[in-house]
Amino acid sequence: MASDDVYIYALSTCGHCKSTKRLLNECNVPYDFVDVDLLEGEERKAVIEDVKQLNPKCSFPTIKIGDQVIVGYKEKEIKEALGLS
């Protein structure tokens, strides 16, 4: 699975976001991410709008795996979406 297939919208201080990144690292799954709280100005507004399109509650982590969106650290769902279960 290519890194552009897995994307995490995260917060730098969020324990669930850190757990999600750790899980993907342990499973050797390449991914891209953005720590939304570290962005500023228009870039931050634009990324928050992207998150709201996937997850209207705009909570974190919001994980996009292919066409599937998982909100929160749900290890079983994440592994299933990656075909690792």
Protein backbone atom coordinates (compact mmCIF):
# COMPACT_ATOMS: atom_id res chain seq x y z
CA MET A 1 0.00 0.00 0.00
CA ALA A 2 1.46 3.38 -1.01
CA SER A 3 1.81 6.22 1.47
CA ASP A 4 -0.63 8.32 -0.55
CA ASP A 5 -3.25 5.66 0.26
CA VAL A 6 -2.97 6.32 4.03
CA TYR A 7 -3.32 9.83 5.42
CA ILE A 8 -3.76 10.94 9.02
CA TYR A 9 -5.16 14.27 10.13
CA ALA A 10 -3.75 14.55 13.64
CA LEU A 11 -2.95 16.84 16.54
CA SER A 12 0.63 16.93 17.80
CA THR A 13 -0.52 16.60 21.45
CA CYS A 14 -3.13 13.86 20.92
CA GLY A 15 -2.41 10.46 22.49
CA HIS A 16 -4.80 8.66 20.12
CA CYS A 17 -3.05 10.28 17.14
CA LYS A 18 0.34 9.12 18.46
CA SER A 19 -1.05 5.59 18.96
CA THR A 20 -2.31 5.56 15.37
CA LYS A 21 1.10 6.58 14.00
CA ARG A 22 2.82 4.01 16.24
CA LEU A 23 0.48 1.23 15.00
CA LEU A 24 1.20 2.08 11.36
CA ASN A 25 4.94 2.21 12.04
CA GLU A 26 4.83 -1.18 13.81
CA CYS A 27 2.95 -2.65 10.83
CA ASN A 28 5.45 -1.08 8.39
CA VAL A 29 2.66 0.81 6.65
CA PRO A 30 3.83 3.98 4.88
CA TYR A 31 1.62 7.00 5.53
CA ASP A 32 1.49 10.75 5.33
CA PHE A 33 0.11 12.98 8.04
CA VAL A 34 -0.46 16.55 9.08
CA ASP A 35 -0.50 17.86 12.64
CA VAL A 36 -3.33 20.34 12.21
CA ASP A 37 -2.57 22.25 15.43
CA LEU A 38 0.88 23.17 14.10
CA LEU A 39 -0.53 24.86 10.99
CA GLU A 40 -1.38 28.55 10.85
CA GLY A 41 -3.64 30.92 8.97
CA GLU A 42 -5.14 29.97 5.63
CA GLU A 43 -3.31 26.64 5.50
CA ARG A 44 -4.90 25.61 8.81
CA LYS A 45 -8.37 26.75 7.68
CA ALA A 46 -8.04 24.79 4.43
CA VAL A 47 -6.95 21.59 6.18
CA ILE A 48 -9.76 21.88 8.74
CA GLU A 49 -12.22 22.16 5.85
CA ASP A 50 -10.69 18.99 4.36
CA VAL A 51 -11.17 17.20 7.69
CA LYS A 52 -14.80 18.37 7.93
CA GLN A 53 -15.49 16.86 4.49
CA LEU A 54 -14.38 13.47 5.83
CA ASN A 55 -15.51 13.88 9.44
CA PRO A 56 -18.10 16.62 10.13
CA LYS A 57 -17.30 16.54 13.86
CA CYS A 58 -13.69 17.46 13.00
CA SER A 59 -12.25 15.18 15.67
CA PHE A 60 -8.83 13.55 15.69
CA PRO A 61 -7.33 11.41 14.49
CA THR A 62 -9.21 11.29 11.21
CA ILE A 63 -7.60 8.54 9.15
CA LYS A 64 -8.13 8.08 5.41
CA ILE A 65 -7.19 4.64 4.10
CA GLY A 66 -7.97 4.50 0.40
CA ASP A 67 -11.63 5.50 0.22
CA GLN A 68 -12.36 4.52 3.82
CA VAL A 69 -12.42 7.02 6.69
CA ILE A 70 -11.84 5.95 10.29
CA VAL A 71 -12.33 8.44 13.10
CA GLY A 72 -10.38 7.80 16.28
CA TYR A 73 -7.86 5.16 17.23
CA LYS A 74 -9.67 1.94 16.36
CA GLU A 75 -6.92 -0.63 15.98
CA LYS A 76 -9.16 -3.42 14.67
CA GLU A 77 -10.83 -1.19 12.04
CA ILE A 78 -7.49 0.27 10.96
CA LYS A 79 -5.93 -3.18 10.53
CA GLU A 80 -9.01 -4.42 8.63
CA ALA A 81 -8.88 -1.41 6.27
CA LEU A 82 -5.21 -2.13 5.64
CA GLY A 83 -5.89 -5.82 5.04
CA LEU A 84 -3.81 -6.82 8.07
CA SER A 85 -6.44 -8.61 10.15
